[in-house]
C-alpha atoms as a PDB file:
ATOM      1  CA  ILE A   1       0.000   0.000   0.000  1.00  0.00           C
ATOM      2  CA  TYR A   2       2.807   2.401   0.903  1.00  0.00           C
ATOM      3  CA  ILE A   3       4.665   1.641  -2.306  1.00  0.00           C
ATOM      4  CA  ARG A   4       1.518   2.249  -4.290  1.00  0.00           C
ATOM      5  CA  LYS A   5       0.834   5.457  -2.385  1.00  0.00           C
ATOM      6  CA  ASP A   6       4.432   6.655  -3.024  1.00  0.00           C
ATOM      7  CA  PHE A   7       4.097   5.725  -6.691  1.00  0.00           C
ATOM      8  CA  PHE A   8       0.901   7.741  -7.120  1.00  0.00           C
ATOM      9  CA  GLN A   9       2.318  10.710  -5.216  1.00  0.00           C
ATOM     10  CA  SER A  10       5.437  10.573  -7.346  1.00  0.00           C
ATOM     11  CA  ARG A  11       3.302  10.366 -10.468  1.00  0.00           C
ATOM     12  CA  MET A  12       1.199  13.363  -9.329  1.00  0.00           C
ATOM     13  CA  MET A  13       4.358  15.362  -8.665  1.00  0.00           C
ATOM     14  CA  GLN A  14       5.653  14.549 -12.143  1.00  0.00           C
ATOM     15  CA  ASP A  15       2.353  15.621 -13.681  1.00  0.00           C
ATOM     16  CA  LEU A  16       2.403  18.866 -11.688  1.00  0.00           C
ATOM     17  CA  GLU A  17       6.000  19.507 -12.788  1.00  0.00           C
ATOM     18  CA  LYS A  18       5.032  18.943 -16.442  1.00  0.00           C
ATOM     19  CA  LYS A  19       2.077  21.319 -16.129  1.00  0.00           C
ATOM     20  CA  LYS A  20       4.290  23.896 -14.410  1.00  0.00           C
ATOM     21  CA  HIS A  21       6.865  23.677 -17.233  1.00  0.00           C
ATOM     22  CA  LEU A  22       4.118  23.991 -19.860  1.00  0.00           C
ATOM     23  CA  VAL A  23       2.732  27.096 -18.152  1.00  0.00           C
ATOM     24  CA  GLU A  24       6.223  28.600 -17.848  1.00  0.00           C
ATOM     25  CA  LYS A  25       6.949  27.778 -21.489  1.00  0.00           C
ATOM     26  CA  GLU A  26       3.692  29.428 -22.570  1.00  0.00           C
ATOM     27  CA  GLN A  27       4.434  32.511 -20.449  1.00  0.00           C
ATOM     28  CA  LEU A  28       7.934  32.725 -21.914  1.00  0.00           C
ATOM     29  CA  HIS A  29       6.535  32.389 -25.438  1.00  0.00           C
ATOM     30  CA  GLU A  30       4.049  35.200 -24.762  1.00  0.00           C
ATOM     31  CA  ALA A  31       6.826  37.409 -23.334  1.00  0.00           C
ATOM     32  CA  VAL A  32       8.992  36.812 -26.426  1.00  0.00           C
ATOM     33  CA  GLU A  33       6.059  37.563 -28.739  1.00  0.00           C
ATOM     34  CA  HIS A  34       5.379  40.801 -26.826  1.00  0.00           C
ATOM     35  CA  ALA A  35       9.063  41.811 -26.997  1.00  0.00           C
ATOM     36  CA  VAL A  36       9.218  41.122 -30.746  1.00  0.00           C
ATOM     37  CA  LYS A  37       6.038  43.119 -31.308  1.00  0.00           C
ATOM     38  CA  SER A  38       7.400  46.035 -29.244  1.00  0.00           C
ATOM     39  CA  LEU A  39      10.697  45.942 -31.144  1.00  0.00           C
ATOM     40  CA  LYS A  40       8.891  45.986 -34.502  1.00  0.00           C
ATOM     41  CA  GLU A  41       6.738  48.920 -33.377  1.00  0.00           C
ATOM     42  CA  SER A  42       9.815  50.793 -32.173  1.00  0.00           C
ATOM     43  CA  GLU A  43      11.620  50.217 -35.462  1.00  0.00           C
ATOM     44  CA  GLU A  44       8.551  51.326 -37.409  1.00  0.00           C
ATOM     45  CA  LYS A  45       8.355  54.539 -35.357  1.00  0.00           C
ATOM     46  CA  PHE A  46      12.044  55.258 -35.981  1.00  0.00           C
ATOM     47  CA  ARG A  47      11.693  54.572 -39.698  1.00  0.00           C
ATOM     48  CA  THR A  48       8.629  56.811 -39.996  1.00  0.00           C
ATOM     49  CA  LEU A  49      10.340  59.573 -38.039  1.00  0.00           C
ATOM     50  CA  ALA A  50      13.547  59.286 -40.075  1.00  0.00           C
ATOM     51  CA  GLU A  51      11.777  59.204 -43.433  1.00  0.00           C
ATOM     52  CA  THR A  52       9.536  62.180 -42.671  1.00  0.00           C
ATOM     53  CA  ALA A  53      12.181  64.342 -40.962  1.00  0.00           C
ATOM     54  CA  ALA A  54      13.049  67.644 -42.622  1.00  0.00           C
ATOM     55  CA  MET A  55      16.732  67.176 -41.806  1.00  0.00           C
ATOM     56  CA  ALA A  56      19.029  64.700 -43.497  1.00  0.00           C
ATOM     57  CA  ILE A  57      19.859  61.639 -41.405  1.00  0.00           C
ATOM     58  CA  PHE A  58      22.918  59.520 -42.182  1.00  0.00           C
ATOM     59  CA  ILE A  59      24.501  56.473 -40.612  1.00  0.00           C
ATOM     60  CA  HIS A  60      28.050  55.614 -41.608  1.00  0.00           C
ATOM     61  CA  GLN A  61      30.594  53.128 -40.407  1.00  0.00           C
ATOM     62  CA  GLY A  62      34.220  53.408 -41.419  1.00  0.00           C
ATOM     63  CA  GLY A  63      33.100  56.055 -43.872  1.00  0.00           C
ATOM     64  CA  SER A  64      30.737  53.700 -45.706  1.00  0.00           C
ATOM     65  CA  LEU A  65      27.207  55.016 -45.784  1.00  0.00           C
ATOM     66  CA  LEU A  66      24.723  52.538 -44.385  1.00  0.00           C
ATOM     67  CA  TYR A  67      21.609  54.704 -44.360  1.00  0.00           C
ATOM     68  CA  ALA A  68      20.391  58.016 -45.739  1.00  0.00           C
ATOM     69  CA  ASN A  69      16.815  59.241 -45.418  1.00  0.00           C
ATOM     70  CA  ARG A  70      14.799  61.129 -48.066  1.00  0.00           C
ATOM     71  CA  ALA A  71      15.955  64.516 -46.789  1.00  0.00           C
ATOM     72  CA  GLY A  72      19.502  63.217 -47.258  1.00  0.00           C
ATOM     73  CA  GLU A  73      18.662  62.525 -50.881  1.00  0.00           C
ATOM     74  CA  VAL A  74      17.461  66.114 -51.261  1.00  0.00           C
ATOM     75  CA  ILE A  75      20.414  67.755 -49.522  1.00  0.00           C
ATOM     76  CA  GLY A  76      23.059  65.873 -51.518  1.00  0.00           C
ATOM     77  CA  GLY A  77      21.178  65.139 -54.724  1.00  0.00           C
ATOM     78  CA  TYR A  78      21.954  61.421 -54.647  1.00  0.00           C
ATOM     79  CA  THR A  79      19.446  58.590 -54.416  1.00  0.00           C
ATOM     80  CA  GLY A  80      19.446  56.275 -51.426  1.00  0.00           C
ATOM     81  CA  ASP A  81      20.969  53.487 -53.543  1.00  0.00           C
ATOM     82  CA  GLU A  82      23.739  55.803 -54.763  1.00  0.00           C
ATOM     83  CA  TYR A  83      24.548  56.769 -51.185  1.00  0.00           C
ATOM     84  CA  LEU A  84      24.890  53.126 -50.173  1.00  0.00           C
ATOM     85  CA  ARG A  85      27.669  52.705 -52.746  1.00  0.00           C
ATOM     86  CA  MET A  86      29.537  55.794 -51.493  1.00  0.00           C
ATOM     87  CA  ASN A  87      31.901  56.810 -48.774  1.00  0.00           C
ATOM     88  CA  PHE A  88      30.421  59.621 -46.653  1.00  0.00           C
ATOM     89  CA  LEU A  89      33.520  61.731 -47.319  1.00  0.00           C
ATOM     90  CA  ASN A  90      32.661  61.733 -51.044  1.00  0.00           C
ATOM     91  CA  ILE A  91      30.003  64.377 -50.416  1.00  0.00           C
ATOM     92  CA  VAL A  92      32.213  66.489 -48.141  1.00  0.00           C
ATOM     93  CA  HIS A  93      33.874  69.500 -49.785  1.00  0.00           C
ATOM     94  CA  PRO A  94      37.625  68.821 -50.204  1.00  0.00           C
ATOM     95  CA  ASP A  95      38.489  71.719 -47.862  1.00  0.00           C
ATOM     96  CA  TYR A  96      36.617  69.979 -45.015  1.00  0.00           C
ATOM     97  CA  VAL A  97      37.442  66.275 -45.533  1.00  0.00           C
ATOM     98  CA  ASP A  98      40.216  66.241 -42.912  1.00  0.00           C
ATOM     99  CA  LEU A  99      37.993  68.003 -40.358  1.00  0.00           C
ATOM    100  CA  VAL A 100      35.091  65.593 -40.851  1.00  0.00           C
ATOM    101  CA  ARG A 101      37.366  62.528 -40.881  1.00  0.00           C
ATOM    102  CA  THR A 102      39.109  63.646 -37.678  1.00  0.00           C
ATOM    103  CA  ARG A 103      35.848  64.400 -35.875  1.00  0.00           C
ATOM    104  CA  ALA A 104      34.365  61.019 -36.864  1.00  0.00           C
ATOM    105  CA  ARG A 105      37.493  59.185 -35.684  1.00  0.00           C
ATOM    106  CA  GLU A 106      37.531  61.094 -32.387  1.00  0.00           C
ATOM    107  CA  ARG A 107      33.862  60.328 -31.849  1.00  0.00           C
ATOM    108  CA  LEU A 108      34.331  56.603 -32.538  1.00  0.00           C
ATOM    109  CA  ASP A 109      37.369  56.503 -30.237  1.00  0.00           C
ATOM    110  CA  GLY A 110      35.278  57.954 -27.409  1.00  0.00           C
ATOM    111  CA  GLY A 111      36.758  61.439 -27.664  1.00  0.00           C
ATOM    112  CA  GLY A 112      34.818  64.601 -27.165  1.00  0.00           C
ATOM    113  CA  PRO A 113      34.589  66.497 -30.441  1.00  0.00           C
ATOM    114  CA  PRO A 114      31.831  69.104 -30.603  1.00  0.00           C
ATOM    115  CA  PRO A 115      28.493  67.393 -31.140  1.00  0.00           C
ATOM    116  CA  GLN A 116      27.745  69.825 -33.948  1.00  0.00           C
ATOM    117  CA  TYR A 117      29.799  71.753 -36.458  1.00  0.00           C
ATOM    118  CA  GLU A 118      29.554  73.381 -39.879  1.00  0.00           C
ATOM    119  CA  PHE A 119      31.204  72.404 -43.145  1.00  0.00           C
ATOM    120  CA  LYS A 120      30.555  72.403 -46.879  1.00  0.00           C
ATOM    121  CA  ILE A 121      29.321  69.529 -48.984  1.00  0.00           C
ATOM    122  CA  VAL A 122      29.326  69.142 -52.750  1.00  0.00           C
ATOM    123  CA  ARG A 123      26.029  67.983 -54.210  1.00  0.00           C
ATOM    124  CA  LYS A 124      25.828  65.499 -57.068  1.00  0.00           C
ATOM    125  CA  ASP A 125      25.137  68.427 -59.431  1.00  0.00           C
ATOM    126  CA  GLY A 126      28.331  70.168 -58.248  1.00  0.00           C
ATOM    127  CA  GLN A 127      26.651  72.834 -56.087  1.00  0.00           C
ATOM    128  CA  GLU A 128      28.423  73.647 -52.850  1.00  0.00           C
ATOM    129  CA  ARG A 129      26.165  73.821 -49.813  1.00  0.00           C
ATOM    130  CA  TRP A 130      26.883  74.695 -46.191  1.00  0.00           C
ATOM    131  CA  VAL A 131      25.544  72.203 -43.650  1.00  0.00           C
ATOM    132  CA  LEU A 132      25.269  72.001 -39.890  1.00  0.00           C
ATOM    133  CA  MET A 133      26.054  68.475 -38.736  1.00  0.00           C
ATOM    134  CA  THR A 134      25.047  66.982 -35.409  1.00  0.00           C
ATOM    135  CA  ALA A 135      26.475  63.541 -34.738  1.00  0.00           C
ATOM    136  CA  GLY A 136      26.639  60.787 -32.168  1.00  0.00           C
ATOM    137  CA  ILE A 137      27.588  57.139 -31.824  1.00  0.00           C
ATOM    138  CA  THR A 138      25.269  54.194 -32.346  1.00  0.00           C
ATOM    139  CA  LYS A 139      25.684  50.459 -32.895  1.00  0.00           C
ATOM    140  CA  TYR A 140      25.183  48.922 -36.300  1.00  0.00           C
ATOM    141  CA  GLU A 141      25.519  45.131 -36.494  1.00  0.00           C
ATOM    142  CA  ASP A 142      27.316  45.202 -33.115  1.00  0.00           C
ATOM    143  CA  LYS A 143      29.963  47.657 -34.344  1.00  0.00           C
ATOM    144  CA  PRO A 144      30.210  51.380 -33.553  1.00  0.00           C
ATOM    145  CA  ALA A 145      28.843  53.688 -36.225  1.00  0.00           C
ATOM    146  CA  VAL A 146      28.247  57.417 -36.530  1.00  0.00           C
ATOM    147  CA  ILE A 147      24.681  58.639 -36.810  1.00  0.00           C
ATOM    148  CA  GLY A 148      24.300  62.225 -37.842  1.00  0.00           C
ATOM    149  CA  THR A 149      21.914  64.841 -39.065  1.00  0.00           C
ATOM    150  CA  LEU A 150      22.623  67.507 -41.651  1.00  0.00           C
ATOM    151  CA  ILE A 151      20.712  70.747 -42.039  1.00  0.00           C
ATOM    152  CA  ASP A 152      21.291  72.983 -45.058  1.00  0.00           C
ATOM    153  CA  ILE A 153      22.419  76.369 -43.685  1.00  0.00           C
ATOM    154  CA  THR A 154      23.550  77.850 -47.009  1.00  0.00           C
ATOM    155  CA  ALA A 155      21.016  80.699 -46.874  1.00  0.00           C
ATOM    156  CA  ARG A 156      22.154  81.616 -43.367  1.00  0.00           C
ATOM    157  CA  LYS A 157      25.823  81.575 -44.391  1.00  0.00           C
ATOM    158  CA  GLN A 158      25.054  83.745 -47.419  1.00  0.00           C
ATOM    159  CA  ALA A 159      23.195  86.212 -45.206  1.00  0.00           C
ATOM    160  CA  GLU A 160      26.158  86.314 -42.803  1.00  0.00           C
ATOM    161  CA  GLU A 161      28.549  86.983 -45.693  1.00  0.00           C
ATOM    162  CA  GLU A 162      26.256  89.712 -47.039  1.00  0.00           C
ATOM    163  CA  ARG A 163      26.037  91.291 -43.593  1.00  0.00           C
ATOM    164  CA  GLU A 164      29.842  91.226 -43.298  1.00  0.00           C
ATOM    165  CA  ARG A 165      30.244  92.835 -46.750  1.00  0.00           C
ATOM    166  CA  TYR A 166      27.713  95.500 -45.807  1.00  0.00           C
ATOM    167  CA  TYR A 167      29.498  96.118 -42.490  1.00  0.00           C
ATOM    168  CA  GLN A 168      32.878  96.443 -44.254  1.00  0.00           C
ATOM    169  CA  GLN A 169      31.387  98.852 -46.789  1.00  0.00           C
ATOM    170  CA  LEU A 170      29.775 100.883 -44.005  1.00  0.00           C
ATOM    171  CA  GLN A 171      33.104 101.110 -42.178  1.00  0.00           C
ATOM    172  CA  LYS A 172      34.865 102.350 -45.338  1.00  0.00           C
ATOM    173  CA  THR A 173      32.137 104.941 -45.900  1.00  0.00           C
ATOM    174  CA  THR A 174      32.289 106.240 -42.313  1.00  0.00           C
ATOM    175  CA  GLN A 175      36.096 106.407 -42.420  1.00  0.00           C
ATOM    176  CA  SER A 176      36.060 108.404 -45.665  1.00  0.00           C
ATOM    177  CA  LEU A 177      33.630 110.908 -44.074  1.00  0.00           C
ATOM    178  CA  LYS A 178      36.042 111.637 -41.207  1.00  0.00           C
END
């Protein structure tokens, strides 16, 4: 009788353990499904934000462009596919290549370059444009990459140059009146 009783108790314990594992497995499956759904929603939000942003967004790693949004296509005149076959420095004006390369290297090495700075780019059609770049570090396929935004500030730079010319002319005029 005791052996039988022990056998049935052992059997009940095994059944309870199996049920417990099934419940835990189901809960784990639900948690994974929820995490995957949340990750997909997060990626969709980022993609929508990036594609509708008025500023150009770029991701590059070792100079190779990995991503450019639609505003990036507008600012540089290249298509997204063309960008993916380019080095980011290809759009940087030759006078600013060393600056941009140095700042990217410093950023990737954990240094503290300014988070934003101005430089010129050369569009596909040859036009030179001034841009304000803001950049930071992100991970892309488990490797550090630079993510940055570019805003076309050409009109502002032209206005500053015009103001400076006007100021210089005003100074000459006032000095000749003395």
